[in-house]
Amino acid sequence: MRLVSARAGLTRLIRDLESKGGAVVFLTVPDGAVAAVAAKLAAAGAGIPDTVGFVHASGALQLGALAPLGERHPVGSFHPLRSFPEPGPPEAFEGIVIAVDATRPSLLRVLERLARDLGAKPRRVEDSERALYHAAAVFASNYVVSLLGEAASLLEASGWSEQEAVRGLAPLAEGAIANVTKRGPTAALTGPVRRGDALTIRRHLAALGELDERRHGDLYRMLGEVALEIAKRAGLEPAAAEQTRRALTRKVAATRRRPRK
């Protein structure tokens, strides 16, 4: 198997592929450029052997993004379920899941084998599943970063530096993720919502309201209601769950503006 990057330049890439019938080309370009690059490669026509496969590395795009190539070539997708803010070594793939799909079984087998060779676990994710798959990835990666940024900003409001806040919060977050990995989300949940500690929740909301109610308070309430559903699955008693719900929603009802007459 030959791996060729589209970064080499389209003209040179097409020339190189003319004699590489067993190649797999990874279009490692931004999502918005995949369709345009695919169209330009398809315009080369018979210059590229039919056996060359083309694969994008997007978690969100369906195989239709490679439709111009799919008329003559096998096409697929290969998306590592891992955050890469900067280039990493091959070891970065060890133990992770890589979502794969392809229009032909032969290419799918190649992509699955490549994932295993990297030490990863291949998982087929078809077009019909891709939007939910990628949304889940955003929750587990991008939004975790967003939540830690929010948490750090609260400590900064108390006089901590950003570095101090990150150093203090990162081990807490790492421990929570380790508990989820070991026990699952339901058993891993701790904190005031899990305990049904309505008094602490009201104190939190009062403090957050002094900073920015719409930003901090609303986010706390929204995530608190998600945590409450998990807490109920974990066995939180109905009476405690109802007190917690009231604590989370009480101020929203009290501060809701009346419609103008």
Protein backbone atom coordinates (compact mmCIF):
# COMPACT_ATOMS: atom_id res chain seq x y z
CA MET A 1 0.00 0.00 0.00
CA ARG A 2 1.29 3.44 -0.91
CA LEU A 3 0.16 6.46 1.11
CA VAL A 4 0.29 9.76 -0.75
CA SER A 5 -0.66 13.14 0.72
CA ALA A 6 -2.57 15.72 -1.31
CA ARG A 7 -0.28 18.35 0.17
CA ALA A 8 2.26 17.40 -2.50
CA GLY A 9 0.29 19.52 -4.99
CA LEU A 10 -2.39 18.30 -7.37
CA THR A 11 -0.35 18.36 -10.58
CA ARG A 12 2.56 16.49 -9.06
CA LEU A 13 0.21 14.13 -7.24
CA ILE A 14 -1.61 13.16 -10.42
CA ARG A 15 1.69 12.59 -12.21
CA ASP A 16 2.95 10.40 -9.37
CA LEU A 17 -0.24 8.35 -9.30
CA GLU A 18 -0.14 7.42 -12.99
CA SER A 19 2.12 4.46 -12.20
CA LYS A 20 0.88 3.65 -8.67
CA GLY A 21 -2.14 1.47 -9.14
CA GLY A 22 -2.20 0.22 -5.54
CA ALA A 23 -2.05 3.60 -3.87
CA VAL A 24 -4.37 5.04 -1.26
CA VAL A 25 -4.52 8.83 -1.30
CA PHE A 26 -5.44 10.60 1.94
CA LEU A 27 -6.90 14.04 1.27
CA THR A 28 -5.51 15.74 4.36
CA VAL A 29 -7.04 19.12 3.61
CA PRO A 30 -9.62 21.24 5.51
CA ASP A 31 -13.19 19.92 5.36
CA GLY A 32 -14.28 22.81 3.17
CA ALA A 33 -11.67 21.94 0.54
CA VAL A 34 -12.30 18.19 0.26
CA ALA A 35 -15.01 18.38 -2.41
CA ALA A 36 -13.05 20.87 -4.54
CA VAL A 37 -9.87 18.78 -4.37
CA ALA A 38 -11.85 15.64 -5.22
CA ALA A 39 -13.35 17.38 -8.25
CA LYS A 40 -9.94 18.47 -9.53
CA LEU A 41 -8.51 14.98 -9.10
CA ALA A 42 -11.52 13.46 -10.85
CA ALA A 43 -10.96 15.82 -13.78
CA ALA A 44 -7.68 14.01 -14.45
CA GLY A 45 -9.82 11.16 -15.79
CA ALA A 46 -7.94 8.11 -17.05
CA GLY A 47 -4.63 9.58 -15.92
CA ILE A 48 -5.16 7.93 -12.52
CA PRO A 49 -5.63 4.13 -12.40
CA ASP A 50 -9.09 2.97 -11.33
CA THR A 51 -7.53 0.95 -8.50
CA VAL A 52 -6.27 4.06 -6.66
CA GLY A 53 -8.38 4.73 -3.56
CA PHE A 54 -9.15 8.16 -2.15
CA VAL A 55 -9.85 8.74 1.54
CA HIS A 56 -10.70 11.85 3.55
CA ALA A 57 -9.81 12.26 7.22
CA SER A 58 -12.88 14.25 8.28
CA GLY A 59 -15.12 13.18 11.13
CA ALA A 60 -18.09 15.19 9.87
CA LEU A 61 -18.08 14.71 6.09
CA GLN A 62 -19.93 11.86 4.45
CA LEU A 63 -18.44 9.87 1.60
CA GLY A 64 -20.48 12.03 -0.75
CA ALA A 65 -17.80 14.69 -0.41
CA LEU A 66 -15.68 12.41 -2.62
CA ALA A 67 -18.52 11.76 -5.10
CA PRO A 68 -16.63 13.02 -8.19
CA LEU A 69 -13.97 10.40 -7.53
CA GLY A 70 -16.40 7.70 -6.44
CA GLU A 71 -17.62 7.15 -9.98
CA ARG A 72 -14.32 5.44 -10.91
CA HIS A 73 -12.42 4.92 -7.67
CA PRO A 74 -13.02 3.35 -4.27
CA VAL A 75 -13.45 6.14 -1.71
CA GLY A 76 -13.49 6.11 2.05
CA SER A 77 -12.97 7.91 5.33
CA PHE A 78 -10.43 7.48 8.13
CA HIS A 79 -11.03 9.62 11.24
CA PRO A 80 -8.96 9.15 14.43
CA LEU A 81 -11.11 9.75 17.51
CA ARG A 82 -8.46 11.89 19.14
CA SER A 83 -7.59 15.57 19.41
CA PHE A 84 -4.54 16.70 17.44
CA PRO A 85 -3.86 20.39 18.22
CA GLU A 86 -0.35 19.79 16.84
CA PRO A 87 1.44 16.96 14.99
CA GLY A 88 2.13 13.91 17.13
CA PRO A 89 4.16 10.70 16.91
CA PRO A 90 2.73 7.39 15.65
CA GLU A 91 2.30 6.37 19.29
CA ALA A 92 -0.53 8.92 19.51
CA PHE A 93 -2.78 6.37 17.76
CA GLU A 94 -2.13 3.61 20.29
CA GLY A 95 -5.36 2.36 21.83
CA ILE A 96 -7.70 4.94 20.25
CA VAL A 97 -10.72 4.32 18.03
CA ILE A 98 -10.49 5.19 14.34
CA ALA A 99 -13.77 5.57 12.46
CA VAL A 100 -13.56 4.03 8.99
CA ASP A 101 -15.88 3.59 6.05
CA ALA A 102 -15.54 2.88 2.34
CA THR A 103 -17.61 2.31 -0.77
CA ARG A 104 -15.87 -0.99 -1.50
CA PRO A 105 -15.07 -3.86 0.88
CA SER A 106 -11.49 -4.06 -0.38
CA LEU A 107 -10.72 -0.48 0.65
CA LEU A 108 -12.55 -0.92 3.94
CA ARG A 109 -10.31 -3.88 4.75
CA VAL A 110 -7.23 -1.81 3.92
CA LEU A 111 -8.33 1.00 6.24
CA GLU A 112 -9.16 -1.42 9.05
CA ARG A 113 -5.76 -3.04 8.69
CA LEU A 114 -4.02 0.35 8.70
CA ALA A 115 -5.85 1.30 11.92
CA ARG A 116 -4.73 -1.93 13.58
CA ASP A 117 -1.16 -1.47 12.34
CA LEU A 118 -1.16 1.89 14.13
CA GLY A 119 -2.25 0.20 17.36
CA ALA A 120 -5.78 1.61 17.11
CA LYS A 121 -9.22 -0.03 17.04
CA PRO A 122 -11.15 0.40 13.77
CA ARG A 123 -14.89 1.03 14.00
CA ARG A 124 -17.07 1.36 10.94
CA VAL A 125 -19.13 4.56 10.99
CA GLU A 126 -21.46 4.83 8.02
CA ASP A 127 -22.88 8.01 6.52
CA SER A 128 -26.17 7.67 8.42
CA GLU A 129 -24.28 7.65 11.74
CA ARG A 130 -21.68 10.30 10.99
CA ALA A 131 -23.45 13.43 12.28
CA LEU A 132 -24.19 11.91 15.71
CA TYR A 133 -20.72 10.35 15.83
CA HIS A 134 -19.04 13.69 15.21
CA ALA A 135 -21.36 15.53 17.61
CA ALA A 136 -20.35 13.04 20.31
CA ALA A 137 -16.70 13.71 19.51
CA VAL A 138 -17.26 17.45 19.91
CA PHE A 139 -18.90 16.93 23.31
CA ALA A 140 -16.06 14.71 24.50
CA SER A 141 -13.25 16.91 23.21
CA ASN A 142 -13.99 20.50 22.23
CA TYR A 143 -16.64 21.06 24.89
CA VAL A 144 -14.47 19.56 27.61
CA VAL A 145 -11.88 22.20 26.73
CA SER A 146 -14.63 24.84 26.78
CA LEU A 147 -15.81 23.73 30.24
CA LEU A 148 -12.28 23.76 31.63
CA GLY A 149 -11.85 27.24 30.18
CA GLU A 150 -15.03 28.31 31.95
CA ALA A 151 -13.89 26.74 35.22
CA ALA A 152 -10.50 28.44 34.94
CA SER A 153 -12.19 31.80 34.35
CA LEU A 154 -14.11 31.44 37.64
CA LEU A 155 -10.89 30.86 39.57
CA GLU A 156 -9.29 33.78 37.74
CA ALA A 157 -12.19 35.91 38.97
CA SER A 158 -11.15 34.88 42.47
CA GLY A 159 -7.58 36.07 41.91
CA TRP A 160 -5.89 32.97 40.51
CA SER A 161 -3.67 33.22 37.47
CA GLU A 162 -4.66 31.17 34.42
CA GLN A 163 -1.66 28.91 34.97
CA GLU A 164 -2.60 28.33 38.61
CA ALA A 165 -6.20 27.60 37.64
CA VAL A 166 -5.25 25.10 34.94
CA ARG A 167 -2.74 23.36 37.19
CA GLY A 168 -5.36 23.03 39.91
CA LEU A 169 -8.26 21.93 37.72
CA ALA A 170 -6.55 19.62 35.21
CA PRO A 171 -5.88 16.79 37.73
CA LEU A 172 -9.49 17.03 38.88
CA ALA A 173 -10.73 16.64 35.31
CA GLU A 174 -8.27 13.84 34.61
CA GLY A 175 -9.50 11.99 37.70
CA ALA A 176 -13.12 12.37 36.59
CA ILE A 177 -12.30 11.00 33.12
CA ALA A 178 -10.39 8.11 34.69
CA ASN A 179 -13.44 7.29 36.82
CA VAL A 180 -15.71 7.37 33.76
CA THR A 181 -13.31 5.04 31.96
CA LYS A 182 -13.26 2.65 34.91
CA ARG A 183 -16.88 2.79 36.10
CA GLY A 184 -18.98 4.47 33.40
CA PRO A 185 -20.68 7.91 33.59
CA THR A 186 -23.49 6.91 35.96
CA ALA A 187 -21.27 5.43 38.67
CA ALA A 188 -18.57 8.10 38.21
CA LEU A 189 -20.80 11.12 38.97
CA THR A 190 -20.02 12.89 42.26
CA GLY A 191 -20.71 16.36 43.66
CA PRO A 192 -23.71 18.30 44.94
CA VAL A 193 -26.16 17.18 42.25
CA ARG A 194 -25.34 13.53 42.86
CA ARG A 195 -25.83 14.06 46.63
CA GLY A 196 -29.00 16.08 46.19
CA ASP A 197 -27.34 18.99 47.99
CA ALA A 198 -29.76 21.77 47.04
CA LEU A 199 -28.27 24.26 49.53
CA THR A 200 -24.82 24.10 47.93
CA ILE A 201 -26.32 24.46 44.47
CA ARG A 202 -28.16 27.63 45.53
CA ARG A 203 -24.94 29.04 46.97
CA HIS A 204 -23.13 28.32 43.71
CA LEU A 205 -25.82 30.06 41.67
CA ALA A 206 -25.81 33.08 43.96
CA ALA A 207 -22.04 33.44 43.56
CA LEU A 208 -22.21 32.96 39.80
CA GLY A 209 -25.00 35.50 39.54
CA GLU A 210 -22.70 38.15 40.98
CA LEU A 211 -20.34 37.61 38.05
CA ASP A 212 -22.56 37.13 35.02
CA GLU A 213 -25.89 35.40 35.52
CA ARG A 214 -26.69 34.85 31.87
CA ARG A 215 -23.32 33.31 31.04
CA HIS A 216 -22.26 31.42 34.15
CA GLY A 217 -25.58 30.75 35.83
CA ASP A 218 -27.39 29.51 32.74
CA LEU A 219 -24.55 27.17 31.85
CA TYR A 220 -24.43 25.82 35.42
CA ARG A 221 -28.19 25.18 35.37
CA MET A 222 -28.15 23.49 31.99
CA LEU A 223 -25.32 21.13 32.92
CA GLY A 224 -26.85 20.61 36.35
CA GLU A 225 -30.06 19.32 34.79
CA VAL A 226 -28.02 16.89 32.67
CA ALA A 227 -26.17 15.75 35.80
CA LEU A 228 -29.48 15.38 37.63
CA GLU A 229 -30.71 12.84 35.08
CA ILE A 230 -27.52 10.85 35.62
CA ALA A 231 -27.91 11.16 39.40
CA LYS A 232 -31.43 9.76 39.22
CA ARG A 233 -30.17 6.79 37.24
CA ALA A 234 -27.50 6.35 39.91
CA GLY A 235 -30.15 6.10 42.62
CA LEU A 236 -30.79 9.63 43.90
CA GLU A 237 -34.02 9.52 45.91
CA PRO A 238 -37.04 11.20 44.29
CA ALA A 239 -37.47 13.76 47.09
CA ALA A 240 -33.83 14.82 46.89
CA ALA A 241 -34.02 14.91 43.10
CA GLU A 242 -37.04 17.23 43.25
CA GLN A 243 -35.29 19.58 45.70
CA THR A 244 -32.27 19.64 43.40
CA ARG A 245 -34.42 20.38 40.37
CA ARG A 246 -36.08 23.28 42.18
CA ALA A 247 -32.69 24.66 43.20
CA LEU A 248 -31.51 24.53 39.60
CA THR A 249 -34.62 26.13 38.08
CA ARG A 250 -35.85 28.42 40.85
CA LYS A 251 -34.01 31.56 39.82
CA VAL A 252 -34.81 31.06 36.14
CA ALA A 253 -38.54 31.24 36.95
CA ALA A 254 -38.10 34.15 39.36
CA THR A 255 -36.13 36.30 36.93
CA ARG A 256 -38.09 35.54 33.76
CA ARG A 257 -39.26 38.78 32.21
CA ARG A 258 -42.96 39.40 31.80
CA PRO A 259 -44.10 39.98 28.24
CA ARG A 260 -44.74 43.59 27.35
CA LYS A 261 -48.35 44.66 26.94
